[in-house]
PDB file of N, CA and C in Angstrom:
ATOM      1  N   UNK A   1      41.468  29.946  60.746  1.00  0.00           N
ATOM      2  CA  UNK A   1      41.527  29.212  59.500  1.00  0.00           C
ATOM      3  C   UNK A   1      40.090  28.878  59.053  1.00  0.00           C
ATOM      4  N   UNK A   2      39.737  29.156  57.785  1.00  0.00           N
ATOM      5  CA  UNK A   2      38.362  28.913  57.325  1.00  0.00           C
ATOM      6  C   UNK A   2      38.086  27.416  57.188  1.00  0.00           C
ATOM      7  N   UNK A   3      36.786  27.063  57.321  1.00  0.00           N
ATOM      8  CA  UNK A   3      36.360  25.671  57.176  1.00  0.00           C
ATOM      9  C   UNK A   3      36.429  25.252  55.708  1.00  0.00           C
ATOM     10  N   UNK A   4      36.768  24.000  55.426  1.00  0.00           N
ATOM     11  CA  UNK A   4      36.772  23.542  54.030  1.00  0.00           C
ATOM     12  C   UNK A   4      35.340  23.455  53.502  1.00  0.00           C
ATOM     13  N   UNK A   5      35.200  23.747  52.218  1.00  0.00           N
ATOM     14  CA  UNK A   5      33.871  23.687  51.592  1.00  0.00           C
ATOM     15  C   UNK A   5      33.470  22.246  51.357  1.00  0.00           C
ATOM     16  N   UNK A   6      32.191  21.968  51.519  1.00  0.00           N
ATOM     17  CA  UNK A   6      31.674  20.617  51.294  1.00  0.00           C
ATOM     18  C   UNK A   6      30.801  20.613  50.041  1.00  0.00           C
ATOM     19  N   UNK A   7      30.806  19.485  49.342  1.00  0.00           N
ATOM     20  CA  UNK A   7      29.998  19.350  48.133  1.00  0.00           C
ATOM     21  C   UNK A   7      28.531  19.189  48.519  1.00  0.00           C
ATOM     22  N   UNK A   8      27.661  19.916  47.844  1.00  0.00           N
ATOM     23  CA  UNK A   8      26.228  19.772  48.106  1.00  0.00           C
ATOM     24  C   UNK A   8      25.662  18.686  47.209  1.00  0.00           C
ATOM     25  N   UNK A   9      24.355  18.582  47.204  1.00  0.00           N
ATOM     26  CA  UNK A   9      23.675  17.537  46.442  1.00  0.00           C
ATOM     27  C   UNK A   9      23.948  17.643  44.939  1.00  0.00           C
ATOM     28  N   UNK A  10      24.044  18.871  44.423  1.00  0.00           N
ATOM     29  CA  UNK A  10      24.186  19.060  42.987  1.00  0.00           C
ATOM     30  C   UNK A  10      25.605  19.449  42.583  1.00  0.00           C
ATOM     31  N   UNK A  11      26.559  19.323  43.463  1.00  0.00           N
ATOM     32  CA  UNK A  11      27.918  19.695  43.128  1.00  0.00           C
ATOM     33  C   UNK A  11      28.788  18.462  43.023  1.00  0.00           C
ATOM     34  N   UNK A  12      29.763  18.550  42.135  1.00  0.00           N
ATOM     35  CA  UNK A  12      30.675  17.453  41.904  1.00  0.00           C
ATOM     36  C   UNK A  12      32.081  17.931  42.217  1.00  0.00           C
ATOM     37  N   UNK A  13      32.818  17.132  42.948  1.00  0.00           N
ATOM     38  CA  UNK A  13      34.156  17.525  43.330  1.00  0.00           C
ATOM     39  C   UNK A  13      35.122  17.265  42.179  1.00  0.00           C
ATOM     40  N   UNK A  14      35.944  18.254  41.849  1.00  0.00           N
ATOM     41  CA  UNK A  14      36.954  18.101  40.805  1.00  0.00           C
ATOM     42  C   UNK A  14      38.299  18.540  41.355  1.00  0.00           C
ATOM     43  N   UNK A  15      39.339  18.406  40.561  1.00  0.00           N
ATOM     44  CA  UNK A  15      40.667  18.809  41.017  1.00  0.00           C
ATOM     45  C   UNK A  15      40.765  20.312  41.221  1.00  0.00           C
ATOM     46  N   UNK A  16      40.107  21.059  40.371  1.00  0.00           N
ATOM     47  CA  UNK A  16      40.191  22.517  40.432  1.00  0.00           C
ATOM     48  C   UNK A  16      39.376  23.076  41.601  1.00  0.00           C
ATOM     49  N   UNK A  17      38.577  22.289  42.211  1.00  0.00           N
ATOM     50  CA  UNK A  17      37.740  22.771  43.310  1.00  0.00           C
ATOM     51  C   UNK A  17      36.319  22.279  43.124  1.00  0.00           C
ATOM     52  N   UNK A  18      35.378  23.107  43.502  1.00  0.00           N
ATOM     53  CA  UNK A  18      33.982  22.725  43.399  1.00  0.00           C
ATOM     54  C   UNK A  18      33.412  23.194  42.069  1.00  0.00           C
ATOM     55  N   UNK A  19      32.758  22.276  41.384  1.00  0.00           N
ATOM     56  CA  UNK A  19      32.126  22.591  40.110  1.00  0.00           C
ATOM     57  C   UNK A  19      30.635  22.356  40.270  1.00  0.00           C
ATOM     58  N   UNK A  20      29.852  23.351  39.925  1.00  0.00           N
ATOM     59  CA  UNK A  20      28.411  23.232  40.086  1.00  0.00           C
ATOM     60  C   UNK A  20      27.839  22.387  38.955  1.00  0.00           C
ATOM     61  N   UNK A  21      27.036  21.398  39.318  1.00  0.00           N
ATOM     62  CA  UNK A  21      26.401  20.542  38.342  1.00  0.00           C
ATOM     63  C   UNK A  21      24.957  20.969  38.153  1.00  0.00           C
ATOM     64  N   UNK A  22      24.486  20.930  36.918  1.00  0.00           N
ATOM     65  CA  UNK A  22      23.100  21.311  36.628  1.00  0.00           C
ATOM     66  C   UNK A  22      22.143  20.230  37.108  1.00  0.00           C
ATOM     67  N   UNK A  23      21.017  20.630  37.669  1.00  0.00           N
ATOM     68  CA  UNK A  23      20.002  19.613  37.950  1.00  0.00           C
ATOM     69  C   UNK A  23      19.449  19.074  36.640  1.00  0.00           C
ATOM     70  N   UNK A  24      18.935  17.887  36.682  1.00  0.00           N
ATOM     71  CA  UNK A  24      18.458  17.264  35.446  1.00  0.00           C
ATOM     72  C   UNK A  24      17.319  18.058  34.832  1.00  0.00           C
ATOM     73  N   UNK A  25      17.433  18.245  33.516  1.00  0.00           N
ATOM     74  CA  UNK A  25      16.413  19.004  32.790  1.00  0.00           C
ATOM     75  C   UNK A  25      15.208  18.128  32.446  1.00  0.00           C
ATOM     76  N   UNK A  26      15.445  16.846  32.284  1.00  0.00           N
ATOM     77  CA  UNK A  26      14.367  15.963  31.862  1.00  0.00           C
ATOM     78  C   UNK A  26      13.589  15.478  33.079  1.00  0.00           C
ATOM     79  N   UNK A  27      12.282  15.469  32.958  1.00  0.00           N
ATOM     80  CA  UNK A  27      11.418  14.965  34.007  1.00  0.00           C
ATOM     81  C   UNK A  27      10.759  13.692  33.503  1.00  0.00           C
ATOM     82  N   UNK A  28      10.545  12.738  34.404  1.00  0.00           N
ATOM     83  CA  UNK A  28       9.921  11.492  33.991  1.00  0.00           C
ATOM     84  C   UNK A  28       8.420  11.567  34.225  1.00  0.00           C
ATOM     85  N   UNK A  29       7.700  10.813  33.445  1.00  0.00           N
ATOM     86  CA  UNK A  29       6.247  10.749  33.564  1.00  0.00           C
ATOM     87  C   UNK A  29       5.916   9.536  34.429  1.00  0.00           C
ATOM     88  N   UNK A  30       5.123   9.736  35.451  1.00  0.00           N
ATOM     89  CA  UNK A  30       4.743   8.655  36.351  1.00  0.00           C
ATOM     90  C   UNK A  30       3.878   7.663  35.607  1.00  0.00           C
ATOM     91  N   UNK A  31       4.328   6.406  35.578  1.00  0.00           N
ATOM     92  CA  UNK A  31       3.566   5.360  34.926  1.00  0.00           C
ATOM     93  C   UNK A  31       2.497   4.852  35.887  1.00  0.00           C
ATOM     94  N   UNK A  32       1.362   4.502  35.344  1.00  0.00           N
ATOM     95  CA  UNK A  32       0.290   4.001  36.203  1.00  0.00           C
ATOM     96  C   UNK A  32       0.221   2.482  36.097  1.00  0.00           C
ATOM     97  N   UNK A  33      -0.229   1.866  37.141  1.00  0.00           N
ATOM     98  CA  UNK A  33      -0.332   0.407  37.201  1.00  0.00           C
ATOM     99  C   UNK A  33      -1.486  -0.054  36.311  1.00  0.00           C
ATOM    100  N   UNK A  34      -1.194  -0.985  35.411  1.00  0.00           N
ATOM    101  CA  UNK A  34      -2.234  -1.493  34.503  1.00  0.00           C
ATOM    102  C   UNK A  34      -3.302  -2.272  35.260  1.00  0.00           C
ATOM    103  N   UNK A  35      -2.860  -2.997  36.264  1.00  0.00           N
ATOM    104  CA  UNK A  35      -3.793  -3.846  37.002  1.00  0.00           C
ATOM    105  C   UNK A  35      -4.729  -3.020  37.873  1.00  0.00           C
ATOM    106  N   UNK A  36      -4.231  -1.923  38.418  1.00  0.00           N
ATOM    107  CA  UNK A  36      -5.097  -1.034  39.203  1.00  0.00           C
ATOM    108  C   UNK A  36      -6.101  -0.330  38.286  1.00  0.00           C
ATOM    109  N   UNK A  37      -5.658   0.053  37.091  1.00  0.00           N
ATOM    110  CA  UNK A  37      -6.548   0.728  36.144  1.00  0.00           C
ATOM    111  C   UNK A  37      -7.666  -0.201  35.675  1.00  0.00           C
ATOM    112  N   UNK A  38      -7.328  -1.490  35.447  1.00  0.00           N
ATOM    113  CA  UNK A  38      -8.324  -2.466  34.994  1.00  0.00           C
ATOM    114  C   UNK A  38      -9.078  -3.122  36.154  1.00  0.00           C
ATOM    115  N   UNK A  39      -8.685  -2.774  37.408  1.00  0.00           N
ATOM    116  CA  UNK A  39      -9.289  -3.330  38.620  1.00  0.00           C
ATOM    117  C   UNK A  39      -9.218  -4.854  38.633  1.00  0.00           C
ATOM    118  N   UNK A  40      -8.011  -5.373  38.357  1.00  0.00           N
ATOM    119  CA  UNK A  40      -7.781  -6.814  38.358  1.00  0.00           C
ATOM    120  C   UNK A  40      -7.588  -7.279  39.794  1.00  0.00           C
ATOM    121  N   UNK A  41      -8.313  -8.312  40.181  1.00  0.00           N
ATOM    122  CA  UNK A  41      -8.207  -8.852  41.532  1.00  0.00           C
ATOM    123  C   UNK A  41      -7.010  -9.802  41.653  1.00  0.00           C
ATOM    124  N   UNK A  42      -6.899 -10.739  40.711  1.00  0.00           N
ATOM    125  CA  UNK A  42      -5.858 -11.757  40.774  1.00  0.00           C
ATOM    126  C   UNK A  42      -5.154 -11.855  39.426  1.00  0.00           C
ATOM    127  N   UNK A  43      -3.842 -12.012  39.454  1.00  0.00           N
ATOM    128  CA  UNK A  43      -3.064 -12.180  38.219  1.00  0.00           C
ATOM    129  C   UNK A  43      -2.871 -13.674  38.017  1.00  0.00           C
ATOM    130  N   UNK A  44      -3.325 -14.158  36.864  1.00  0.00           N
ATOM    131  CA  UNK A  44      -3.312 -15.588  36.588  1.00  0.00           C
ATOM    132  C   UNK A  44      -1.968 -16.002  36.002  1.00  0.00           C
ATOM    133  N   UNK A  45      -1.395 -17.089  36.517  1.00  0.00           N
ATOM    134  CA  UNK A  45      -0.102 -17.556  36.023  1.00  0.00           C
ATOM    135  C   UNK A  45      -0.226 -18.280  34.691  1.00  0.00           C
ATOM    136  N   UNK A  46      -1.445 -18.596  34.267  1.00  0.00           N
ATOM    137  CA  UNK A  46      -1.644 -19.275  32.987  1.00  0.00           C
ATOM    138  C   UNK A  46      -1.819 -18.295  31.829  1.00  0.00           C
ATOM    139  N   UNK A  47      -1.928 -17.008  32.121  1.00  0.00           N
ATOM    140  CA  UNK A  47      -2.080 -15.986  31.081  1.00  0.00           C
ATOM    141  C   UNK A  47      -0.689 -15.533  30.615  1.00  0.00           C
ATOM    142  N   UNK A  48      -0.129 -16.283  29.678  1.00  0.00           N
ATOM    143  CA  UNK A  48       1.253 -16.061  29.241  1.00  0.00           C
ATOM    144  C   UNK A  48       1.415 -14.751  28.481  1.00  0.00           C
ATOM    145  N   UNK A  49       0.411 -14.346  27.739  1.00  0.00           N
ATOM    146  CA  UNK A  49       0.508 -13.119  26.939  1.00  0.00           C
ATOM    147  C   UNK A  49       0.747 -11.904  27.832  1.00  0.00           C
ATOM    148  N   UNK A  50       0.030 -11.836  28.947  1.00  0.00           N
ATOM    149  CA  UNK A  50       0.227 -10.725  29.884  1.00  0.00           C
ATOM    150  C   UNK A  50       1.574 -10.818  30.585  1.00  0.00           C
ATOM    151  N   UNK A  51       1.947 -12.019  30.982  1.00  0.00           N
ATOM    152  CA  UNK A  51       3.174 -12.187  31.758  1.00  0.00           C
ATOM    153  C   UNK A  51       4.441 -11.936  30.931  1.00  0.00           C
ATOM    154  N   UNK A  52       4.379 -12.158  29.633  1.00  0.00           N
ATOM    155  CA  UNK A  52       5.557 -11.937  28.783  1.00  0.00           C
ATOM    156  C   UNK A  52       5.947 -10.465  28.727  1.00  0.00           C
ATOM    157  N   UNK A  53       5.000  -9.565  28.987  1.00  0.00           N
ATOM    158  CA  UNK A  53       5.302  -8.130  29.006  1.00  0.00           C
ATOM    159  C   UNK A  53       6.219  -7.762  30.171  1.00  0.00           C
ATOM    160  N   UNK A  54       6.190  -8.558  31.229  1.00  0.00           N
ATOM    161  CA  UNK A  54       6.939  -8.243  32.439  1.00  0.00           C
ATOM    162  C   UNK A  54       8.225  -9.043  32.576  1.00  0.00           C
ATOM    163  N   UNK A  55       8.624  -9.721  31.490  1.00  0.00           N
ATOM    164  CA  UNK A  55       9.845 -10.525  31.492  1.00  0.00           C
ATOM    165  C   UNK A  55      10.710 -10.081  30.316  1.00  0.00           C
ATOM    166  N   UNK A  56      12.038  -9.980  30.538  1.00  0.00           N
ATOM    167  CA  UNK A  56      12.952  -9.596  29.463  1.00  0.00           C
ATOM    168  C   UNK A  56      13.211 -10.786  28.543  1.00  0.00           C
ATOM    169  N   UNK A  57      13.990 -10.546  27.492  1.00  0.00           N
ATOM    170  CA  UNK A  57      14.340 -11.626  26.566  1.00  0.00           C
ATOM    171  C   UNK A  57      15.217 -12.671  27.236  1.00  0.00           C
ATOM    172  N   UNK A  58      15.985 -12.236  28.224  1.00  0.00           N
ATOM    173  CA  UNK A  58      16.854 -13.171  28.944  1.00  0.00           C
ATOM    174  C   UNK A  58      16.095 -13.947  30.016  1.00  0.00           C
ATOM    175  N   UNK A  59      14.846 -13.573  30.272  1.00  0.00           N
ATOM    176  CA  UNK A  59      14.038 -14.291  31.249  1.00  0.00           C
ATOM    177  C   UNK A  59      13.957 -13.629  32.602  1.00  0.00           C
ATOM    178  N   UNK A  60      14.519 -12.425  32.753  1.00  0.00           N
ATOM    179  CA  UNK A  60      14.480 -11.736  34.036  1.00  0.00           C
ATOM    180  C   UNK A  60      13.159 -10.987  34.200  1.00  0.00           C
ATOM    181  N   UNK A  61      12.692 -10.903  35.416  1.00  0.00           N
ATOM    182  CA  UNK A  61      11.460 -10.165  35.720  1.00  0.00           C
ATOM    183  C   UNK A  61      11.809  -8.685  35.782  1.00  0.00           C
ATOM    184  N   UNK A  62      11.074  -7.852  35.029  1.00  0.00           N
ATOM    185  CA  UNK A  62      11.323  -6.412  35.013  1.00  0.00           C
ATOM    186  C   UNK A  62      10.877  -5.783  36.330  1.00  0.00           C
ATOM    187  N   UNK A  63      11.617  -4.782  36.828  1.00  0.00           N
ATOM    188  CA  UNK A  63      11.227  -4.141  38.080  1.00  0.00           C
ATOM    189  C   UNK A  63       9.998  -3.250  37.912  1.00  0.00           C
ATOM    190  N   UNK A  64       9.366  -2.941  39.009  1.00  0.00           N
ATOM    191  CA  UNK A  64       8.145  -2.138  38.991  1.00  0.00           C
ATOM    192  C   UNK A  64       8.363  -0.719  38.509  1.00  0.00           C
ATOM    193  N   UNK A  65       9.571  -0.173  38.730  1.00  0.00           N
ATOM    194  CA  UNK A  65       9.829   1.194  38.268  1.00  0.00           C
ATOM    195  C   UNK A  65       9.902   1.266  36.741  1.00  0.00           C
ATOM    196  N   UNK A  66      10.194   0.141  36.098  1.00  0.00           N
ATOM    197  CA  UNK A  66      10.235   0.091  34.630  1.00  0.00           C
ATOM    198  C   UNK A  66       8.844  -0.173  34.065  1.00  0.00           C
ATOM    199  N   UNK A  67       8.138  -1.132  34.652  1.00  0.00           N
ATOM    200  CA  UNK A  67       6.830  -1.508  34.133  1.00  0.00           C
ATOM    201  C   UNK A  67       5.723  -0.561  34.579  1.00  0.00           C
ATOM    202  N   UNK A  68       5.918   0.111  35.726  1.00  0.00           N
ATOM    203  CA  UNK A  68       4.900   1.026  36.224  1.00  0.00           C
ATOM    204  C   UNK A  68       3.914   0.373  37.172  1.00  0.00           C
ATOM    205  N   UNK A  69       4.170  -0.873  37.546  1.00  0.00           N
ATOM    206  CA  UNK A  69       3.265  -1.562  38.469  1.00  0.00           C
ATOM    207  C   UNK A  69       3.409  -1.011  39.881  1.00  0.00           C
ATOM    208  N   UNK A  70       2.311  -1.064  40.627  1.00  0.00           N
ATOM    209  CA  UNK A  70       2.393  -0.717  42.046  1.00  0.00           C
ATOM    210  C   UNK A  70       3.025  -1.903  42.780  1.00  0.00           C
ATOM    211  N   UNK A  71       3.405  -1.696  44.032  1.00  0.00           N
ATOM    212  CA  UNK A  71       4.122  -2.726  44.778  1.00  0.00           C
ATOM    213  C   UNK A  71       3.285  -3.992  44.961  1.00  0.00           C
ATOM    214  N   UNK A  72       2.011  -3.802  45.229  1.00  0.00           N
ATOM    215  CA  UNK A  72       1.128  -4.949  45.451  1.00  0.00           C
ATOM    216  C   UNK A  72       1.047  -5.827  44.207  1.00  0.00           C
ATOM    217  N   UNK A  73       0.834  -5.216  43.055  1.00  0.00           N
ATOM    218  CA  UNK A  73       0.702  -5.991  41.830  1.00  0.00           C
ATOM    219  C   UNK A  73       2.052  -6.485  41.321  1.00  0.00           C
ATOM    220  N   UNK A  74       3.130  -5.772  41.612  1.00  0.00           N
ATOM    221  CA  UNK A  74       4.453  -6.238  41.204  1.00  0.00           C
ATOM    222  C   UNK A  74       4.805  -7.542  41.934  1.00  0.00           C
ATOM    223  N   UNK A  75       4.436  -7.632  43.206  1.00  0.00           N
ATOM    224  CA  UNK A  75       4.676  -8.866  43.942  1.00  0.00           C
ATOM    225  C   UNK A  75       3.884 -10.031  43.351  1.00  0.00           C
ATOM    226  N   UNK A  76       2.631  -9.767  42.994  1.00  0.00           N
ATOM    227  CA  UNK A  76       1.814 -10.846  42.434  1.00  0.00           C
ATOM    228  C   UNK A  76       2.256 -11.223  41.023  1.00  0.00           C
ATOM    229  N   UNK A  77       2.794 -10.265  40.258  1.00  0.00           N
ATOM    230  CA  UNK A  77       3.350 -10.575  38.936  1.00  0.00           C
ATOM    231  C   UNK A  77       4.565 -11.482  39.096  1.00  0.00           C
ATOM    232  N   UNK A  78       5.420 -11.172  40.059  1.00  0.00           N
ATOM    233  CA  UNK A  78       6.614 -11.983  40.293  1.00  0.00           C
ATOM    234  C   UNK A  78       6.240 -13.413  40.669  1.00  0.00           C
ATOM    235  N   UNK A  79       5.238 -13.555  41.532  1.00  0.00           N
ATOM    236  CA  UNK A  79       4.789 -14.893  41.936  1.00  0.00           C
ATOM    237  C   UNK A  79       4.197 -15.642  40.741  1.00  0.00           C
ATOM    238  N   UNK A  80       3.402 -14.937  39.925  1.00  0.00           N
ATOM    239  CA  UNK A  80       2.785 -15.570  38.750  1.00  0.00           C
ATOM    240  C   UNK A  80       3.842 -16.002  37.733  1.00  0.00           C
ATOM    241  N   UNK A  81       4.875 -15.191  37.529  1.00  0.00           N
ATOM    242  CA  UNK A  81       5.946 -15.550  36.595  1.00  0.00           C
ATOM    243  C   UNK A  81       6.699 -16.779  37.108  1.00  0.00           C
ATOM    244  N   UNK A  82       6.971 -16.811  38.409  1.00  0.00           N
ATOM    245  CA  UNK A  82       7.681 -17.952  38.982  1.00  0.00           C
ATOM    246  C   UNK A  82       6.861 -19.232  38.878  1.00  0.00           C
ATOM    247  N   UNK A  83       5.548 -19.120  39.070  1.00  0.00           N
ATOM    248  CA  UNK A  83       4.681 -20.298  38.925  1.00  0.00           C
ATOM    249  C   UNK A  83       4.629 -20.765  37.478  1.00  0.00           C
ATOM    250  N   UNK A  84       4.560 -19.798  36.543  1.00  0.00           N
ATOM    251  CA  UNK A  84       4.532 -20.154  35.116  1.00  0.00           C
ATOM    252  C   UNK A  84       5.844 -20.812  34.688  1.00  0.00           C
ATOM    253  N   UNK A  85       6.953 -20.386  35.266  1.00  0.00           N
ATOM    254  CA  UNK A  85       8.245 -21.025  34.981  1.00  0.00           C
ATOM    255  C   UNK A  85       8.252 -22.457  35.498  1.00  0.00           C
ATOM    256  N   UNK A  86       7.712 -22.640  36.689  1.00  0.00           N
ATOM    257  CA  UNK A  86       7.746 -23.951  37.324  1.00  0.00           C
ATOM    258  C   UNK A  86       6.963 -24.991  36.534  1.00  0.00           C
ATOM    259  N   UNK A  87       5.830 -24.586  35.940  1.00  0.00           N
ATOM    260  CA  UNK A  87       5.041 -25.550  35.150  1.00  0.00           C
ATOM    261  C   UNK A  87       5.374 -25.453  33.659  1.00  0.00           C
ATOM    262  N   UNK A  88       6.512 -24.824  33.346  1.00  0.00           N
ATOM    263  CA  UNK A  88       7.100 -24.773  31.995  1.00  0.00           C
ATOM    264  C   UNK A  88       6.259 -24.011  30.975  1.00  0.00           C
ATOM    265  N   UNK A  89       5.536 -22.991  31.419  1.00  0.00           N
ATOM    266  CA  UNK A  89       4.851 -22.112  30.476  1.00  0.00           C
ATOM    267  C   UNK A  89       5.768 -20.978  30.032  1.00  0.00           C
ATOM    268  N   UNK A  90       6.674 -20.585  30.913  1.00  0.00           N
ATOM    269  CA  UNK A  90       7.697 -19.580  30.609  1.00  0.00           C
ATOM    270  C   UNK A  90       9.069 -20.212  30.841  1.00  0.00           C
ATOM    271  N   UNK A  91      10.072 -19.808  30.065  1.00  0.00           N
ATOM    272  CA  UNK A  91      11.414 -20.359  30.295  1.00  0.00           C
ATOM    273  C   UNK A  91      12.095 -19.698  31.496  1.00  0.00           C
ATOM    274  N   UNK A  92      12.975 -20.462  32.159  1.00  0.00           N
ATOM    275  CA  UNK A  92      13.765 -19.894  33.264  1.00  0.00           C
ATOM    276  C   UNK A  92      14.821 -18.950  32.709  1.00  0.00           C
ATOM    277  N   UNK A  93      15.438 -19.300  31.599  1.00  0.00           N
ATOM    278  CA  UNK A  93      16.458 -18.476  30.969  1.00  0.00           C
ATOM    279  C   UNK A  93      16.076 -18.231  29.523  1.00  0.00           C
ATOM    280  N   UNK A  94      16.536 -17.107  28.974  1.00  0.00           N
ATOM    281  CA  UNK A  94      16.220 -16.774  27.592  1.00  0.00           C
ATOM    282  C   UNK A  94      17.039 -17.585  26.612  1.00  0.00           C
ATOM    283  N   UNK A  95      16.964 -17.183  25.379  1.00  0.00           N
ATOM    284  CA  UNK A  95      17.654 -17.914  24.321  1.00  0.00           C
ATOM    285  C   UNK A  95      19.135 -17.628  24.313  1.00  0.00           C
TER     286      UNK A  95
END
C-alpha cells in the first residue's frame, strides 16, 4: 500500500487532494533603523515628536518589523514611550 502524500511548505490541503500554492510574488524591502543611521546613543523620553511616530492612534507601541527599528533601539523606544506615558507627555490610550 503506498504512503499518503504530505503537504509541503507551499501546498495547501483541499478536499480534492493536494493543490499547489504559488510562492508569494511580492518581496518586501528591508527597512533600516533610523537610530542606527543617525548614530543616536540614547532615545530621549521628552522628545515627543520622535516618539509619536512609533505609537498608533490608539496608543499602542508599533512593533520593530513595522517601524524598521533594530532590536536594541526598539527596546529603548518602548522604554522611552512608557516613561513619557508615566509623566503624561503621551496618553496611555488613544481617543
